Amino acid sequence: MLGVSRTRAYQITNSKTFPDPVAVLSVGRIWLTDDVERWIRDHRPDLQDSSK
């Protein structure tokens, strides 16, 4: 969804502005799609889907 490298995604998801995950599993952290889409809308408007 973010179109960035794993390293950059890790940095973004650990920032104070990124929503907290709803679950932490052995395979990784899980976020609600709505939370991630809201973060993108607020912090990376260039990544918004223009068809919505």
PDB file of N, CA and C in Angstrom:
ATOM      1  N   MET A   1       0.813  -1.212   0.000  1.00  0.00           N
ATOM      2  CA  MET A   1       0.000   0.000   0.000  1.00  0.00           C
ATOM      3  C   MET A   1       0.850   1.268   0.000  1.00  0.00           C
ATOM      4  N   LEU A   2       2.019   1.173   0.634  1.00  0.00           N
ATOM      5  CA  LEU A   2       2.863   2.356   0.731  1.00  0.00           C
ATOM      6  C   LEU A   2       3.845   2.489  -0.416  1.00  0.00           C
ATOM      7  N   GLY A   3       4.127   1.400  -1.107  1.00  0.00           N
ATOM      8  CA  GLY A   3       5.045   1.451  -2.228  1.00  0.00           C
ATOM      9  C   GLY A   3       6.472   1.799  -1.825  1.00  0.00           C
ATOM     10  N   VAL A   4       6.909   1.270  -0.675  1.00  0.00           N
ATOM     11  CA  VAL A   4       8.256   1.541  -0.173  1.00  0.00           C
ATOM     12  C   VAL A   4       8.966   0.229   0.139  1.00  0.00           C
ATOM     13  N   SER A   5      10.262   0.320   0.398  1.00  0.00           N
ATOM     14  CA  SER A   5      11.042  -0.868   0.745  1.00  0.00           C
ATOM     15  C   SER A   5      10.637  -1.391   2.128  1.00  0.00           C
ATOM     16  N   ARG A   6      11.028  -2.622   2.421  1.00  0.00           N
ATOM     17  CA  ARG A   6      10.758  -3.192   3.747  1.00  0.00           C
ATOM     18  C   ARG A   6      11.375  -2.339   4.849  1.00  0.00           C
ATOM     19  N   THR A   7      12.591  -1.852   4.589  1.00  0.00           N
ATOM     20  CA  THR A   7      13.274  -1.030   5.588  1.00  0.00           C
ATOM     21  C   THR A   7      12.493   0.247   5.864  1.00  0.00           C
ATOM     22  N   ARG A   8      12.045   0.911   4.796  1.00  0.00           N
ATOM     23  CA  ARG A   8      11.271   2.149   4.963  1.00  0.00           C
ATOM     24  C   ARG A   8       9.920   1.863   5.609  1.00  0.00           C
ATOM     25  N   ALA A   9       9.283   0.756   5.247  1.00  0.00           N
ATOM     26  CA  ALA A   9       8.002   0.388   5.859  1.00  0.00           C
ATOM     27  C   ALA A   9       8.181   0.173   7.357  1.00  0.00           C
ATOM     28  N   TYR A  10       9.279  -0.460   7.742  1.00  0.00           N
ATOM     29  CA  TYR A  10       9.571  -0.669   9.155  1.00  0.00           C
ATOM     30  C   TYR A  10       9.721   0.675   9.864  1.00  0.00           C
ATOM     31  N   GLN A  11      10.418   1.607   9.245  1.00  0.00           N
ATOM     32  CA  GLN A  11      10.582   2.938   9.833  1.00  0.00           C
ATOM     33  C   GLN A  11       9.241   3.648   9.988  1.00  0.00           C
ATOM     34  N   ILE A  12       8.417   3.574   8.957  1.00  0.00           N
ATOM     35  CA  ILE A  12       7.112   4.234   8.990  1.00  0.00           C
ATOM     36  C   ILE A  12       6.220   3.624  10.063  1.00  0.00           C
ATOM     37  N   THR A  13       6.145   2.298  10.112  1.00  0.00           N
ATOM     38  CA  THR A  13       5.244   1.641  11.064  1.00  0.00           C
ATOM     39  C   THR A  13       5.715   1.784  12.510  1.00  0.00           C
ATOM     40  N   ASN A  14       6.965   2.174  12.707  1.00  0.00           N
ATOM     41  CA  ASN A  14       7.465   2.415  14.054  1.00  0.00           C
ATOM     42  C   ASN A  14       7.427   3.887  14.449  1.00  0.00           C
ATOM     43  N   SER A  15       6.961   4.736  13.552  1.00  0.00           N
ATOM     44  CA  SER A  15       6.871   6.158  13.880  1.00  0.00           C
ATOM     45  C   SER A  15       5.686   6.398  14.814  1.00  0.00           C
ATOM     46  N   LYS A  16       5.756   7.490  15.555  1.00  0.00           N
ATOM     47  CA  LYS A  16       4.699   7.824  16.521  1.00  0.00           C
ATOM     48  C   LYS A  16       3.377   8.146  15.841  1.00  0.00           C
ATOM     49  N   THR A  17       3.439   8.560  14.573  1.00  0.00           N
ATOM     50  CA  THR A  17       2.206   8.946  13.873  1.00  0.00           C
ATOM     51  C   THR A  17       1.447   7.756  13.303  1.00  0.00           C
ATOM     52  N   PHE A  18       2.123   6.600  13.143  1.00  0.00           N
ATOM     53  CA  PHE A  18       1.470   5.445  12.532  1.00  0.00           C
ATOM     54  C   PHE A  18       0.578   4.762  13.559  1.00  0.00           C
ATOM     55  N   PRO A  19      -0.599   4.282  13.152  1.00  0.00           N
ATOM     56  CA  PRO A  19      -1.515   3.647  14.115  1.00  0.00           C
ATOM     57  C   PRO A  19      -0.900   2.401  14.752  1.00  0.00           C
ATOM     58  N   ASP A  20      -1.342   2.118  15.956  1.00  0.00           N
ATOM     59  CA  ASP A  20      -0.902   0.902  16.636  1.00  0.00           C
ATOM     60  C   ASP A  20      -1.505  -0.317  15.948  1.00  0.00           C
ATOM     61  N   PRO A  21      -0.768  -1.416  15.906  1.00  0.00           N
ATOM     62  CA  PRO A  21      -1.337  -2.640  15.326  1.00  0.00           C
ATOM     63  C   PRO A  21      -2.463  -3.162  16.213  1.00  0.00           C
ATOM     64  N   VAL A  22      -3.410  -3.856  15.604  1.00  0.00           N
ATOM     65  CA  VAL A  22      -4.512  -4.447  16.375  1.00  0.00           C
ATOM     66  C   VAL A  22      -4.111  -5.796  16.946  1.00  0.00           C
ATOM     67  N   ALA A  23      -3.052  -6.392  16.404  1.00  0.00           N
ATOM     68  CA  ALA A  23      -2.560  -7.682  16.895  1.00  0.00           C
ATOM     69  C   ALA A  23      -1.078  -7.804  16.559  1.00  0.00           C
ATOM     70  N   VAL A  24      -0.390  -8.544  17.417  1.00  0.00           N
ATOM     71  CA  VAL A  24       1.009  -8.866  17.158  1.00  0.00           C
ATOM     72  C   VAL A  24       1.095 -10.387  17.177  1.00  0.00           C
ATOM     73  N   LEU A  25       1.332 -10.969  16.005  1.00  0.00           N
ATOM     74  CA  LEU A  25       1.388 -12.413  15.848  1.00  0.00           C
ATOM     75  C   LEU A  25       2.832 -12.848  15.628  1.00  0.00           C
ATOM     76  N   SER A  26       3.059 -14.133  15.639  1.00  0.00           N
ATOM     77  CA  SER A  26       4.413 -14.632  15.397  1.00  0.00           C
ATOM     78  C   SER A  26       4.910 -14.281  13.995  1.00  0.00           C
ATOM     79  N   VAL A  27       3.987 -14.085  13.061  1.00  0.00           N
ATOM     80  CA  VAL A  27       4.362 -13.741  11.680  1.00  0.00           C
ATOM     81  C   VAL A  27       4.487 -12.239  11.470  1.00  0.00           C
ATOM     82  N   GLY A  28       4.105 -11.433  12.451  1.00  0.00           N
ATOM     83  CA  GLY A  28       4.233  -9.984  12.329  1.00  0.00           C
ATOM     84  C   GLY A  28       3.074  -9.245  12.945  1.00  0.00           C
ATOM     85  N   ARG A  29       3.103  -7.941  12.757  1.00  0.00           N
ATOM     86  CA  ARG A  29       2.057  -7.071  13.301  1.00  0.00           C
ATOM     87  C   ARG A  29       0.919  -6.927  12.286  1.00  0.00           C
ATOM     88  N   ILE A  30      -0.292  -6.749  12.805  1.00  0.00           N
ATOM     89  CA  ILE A  30      -1.492  -6.662  11.967  1.00  0.00           C
ATOM     90  C   ILE A  30      -2.187  -5.326  12.236  1.00  0.00           C
ATOM     91  N   TRP A  31      -2.498  -4.611  11.149  1.00  0.00           N
ATOM     92  CA  TRP A  31      -3.222  -3.352  11.250  1.00  0.00           C
ATOM     93  C   TRP A  31      -4.560  -3.476  10.545  1.00  0.00           C
ATOM     94  N   LEU A  32      -5.521  -2.672  10.967  1.00  0.00           N
ATOM     95  CA  LEU A  32      -6.787  -2.575  10.257  1.00  0.00           C
ATOM     96  C   LEU A  32      -6.558  -1.776   8.978  1.00  0.00           C
ATOM     97  N   THR A  33      -7.138  -2.224   7.898  1.00  0.00           N
ATOM     98  CA  THR A  33      -7.007  -1.530   6.613  1.00  0.00           C
ATOM     99  C   THR A  33      -7.472  -0.093   6.739  1.00  0.00           C
ATOM    100  N   ASP A  34      -8.586   0.135   7.433  1.00  0.00           N
ATOM    101  CA  ASP A  34      -9.107   1.497   7.593  1.00  0.00           C
ATOM    102  C   ASP A  34      -8.097   2.407   8.281  1.00  0.00           C
ATOM    103  N   ASP A  35      -7.388   1.889   9.284  1.00  0.00           N
ATOM    104  CA  ASP A  35      -6.388   2.685   9.994  1.00  0.00           C
ATOM    105  C   ASP A  35      -5.236   3.068   9.077  1.00  0.00           C
ATOM    106  N   VAL A  36      -4.777   2.114   8.271  1.00  0.00           N
ATOM    107  CA  VAL A  36      -3.664   2.379   7.348  1.00  0.00           C
ATOM    108  C   VAL A  36      -4.115   3.353   6.264  1.00  0.00           C
ATOM    109  N   GLU A  37      -5.307   3.164   5.720  1.00  0.00           N
ATOM    110  CA  GLU A  37      -5.814   4.076   4.691  1.00  0.00           C
ATOM    111  C   GLU A  37      -5.974   5.483   5.243  1.00  0.00           C
ATOM    112  N   ARG A  38      -6.414   5.626   6.494  1.00  0.00           N
ATOM    113  CA  ARG A  38      -6.552   6.933   7.125  1.00  0.00           C
ATOM    114  C   ARG A  38      -5.173   7.579   7.281  1.00  0.00           C
ATOM    115  N   TRP A  39      -4.170   6.792   7.691  1.00  0.00           N
ATOM    116  CA  TRP A  39      -2.816   7.316   7.850  1.00  0.00           C
ATOM    117  C   TRP A  39      -2.289   7.798   6.496  1.00  0.00           C
ATOM    118  N   ILE A  40      -2.510   7.013   5.453  1.00  0.00           N
ATOM    119  CA  ILE A  40      -2.071   7.408   4.107  1.00  0.00           C
ATOM    120  C   ILE A  40      -2.757   8.701   3.693  1.00  0.00           C
ATOM    121  N   ARG A  41      -4.037   8.798   3.922  1.00  0.00           N
ATOM    122  CA  ARG A  41      -4.796   9.996   3.561  1.00  0.00           C
ATOM    123  C   ARG A  41      -4.253  11.226   4.299  1.00  0.00           C
ATOM    124  N   ASP A  42      -3.887  11.049   5.574  1.00  0.00           N
ATOM    125  CA  ASP A  42      -3.418  12.163   6.393  1.00  0.00           C
ATOM    126  C   ASP A  42      -1.943  12.502   6.180  1.00  0.00           C
ATOM    127  N   HIS A  43      -1.115  11.487   5.915  1.00  0.00           N
ATOM    128  CA  HIS A  43       0.328  11.700   5.887  1.00  0.00           C
ATOM    129  C   HIS A  43       0.976  11.505   4.520  1.00  0.00           C
ATOM    130  N   ARG A  44       0.328  10.811   3.620  1.00  0.00           N
ATOM    131  CA  ARG A  44       0.883  10.564   2.284  1.00  0.00           C
ATOM    132  C   ARG A  44      -0.215  10.703   1.231  1.00  0.00           C
ATOM    133  N   PRO A  45      -0.793  11.887   1.118  1.00  0.00           N
ATOM    134  CA  PRO A  45      -1.925  12.068   0.184  1.00  0.00           C
ATOM    135  C   PRO A  45      -1.569  11.752  -1.267  1.00  0.00           C
ATOM    136  N   ASP A  46      -0.281  11.762  -1.607  1.00  0.00           N
ATOM    137  CA  ASP A  46       0.146  11.419  -2.968  1.00  0.00           C
ATOM    138  C   ASP A  46      -0.107   9.950  -3.289  1.00  0.00           C
ATOM    139  N   LEU A  47      -0.326   9.122  -2.262  1.00  0.00           N
ATOM    140  CA  LEU A  47      -0.540   7.693  -2.473  1.00  0.00           C
ATOM    141  C   LEU A  47      -2.024   7.304  -2.523  1.00  0.00           C
ATOM    142  N   GLN A  48      -2.902   8.258  -2.313  1.00  0.00           N
ATOM    143  CA  GLN A  48      -4.325   7.953  -2.339  1.00  0.00           C
ATOM    144  C   GLN A  48      -4.754   7.435  -3.694  1.00  0.00           C
ATOM    145  N   ASP A  49      -5.686   6.495  -3.663  1.00  0.00           N
ATOM    146  CA  ASP A  49      -6.252   5.947  -4.895  1.00  0.00           C
ATOM    147  C   ASP A  49      -7.179   7.000  -5.493  1.00  0.00           C
ATOM    148  N   SER A  50      -6.851   7.506  -6.644  1.00  0.00           N
ATOM    149  CA  SER A  50      -7.643   8.575  -7.269  1.00  0.00           C
ATOM    150  C   SER A  50      -8.996   8.090  -7.771  1.00  0.00           C
ATOM    151  N   SER A  51      -9.216   6.762  -7.814  1.00  0.00           N
ATOM    152  CA  SER A  51     -10.495   6.239  -8.304  1.00  0.00           C
ATOM    153  C   SER A  51     -11.553   6.217  -7.228  1.00  0.00           C
ATOM    154  N   LYS A  52     -11.182   6.506  -5.981  1.00  0.00           N
ATOM    155  CA  LYS A  52     -12.161   6.489  -4.868  1.00  0.00           C
ATOM    156  C   LYS A  52     -12.780   7.842  -4.674  1.00  0.00           C
TER     157      LYS A  52
END
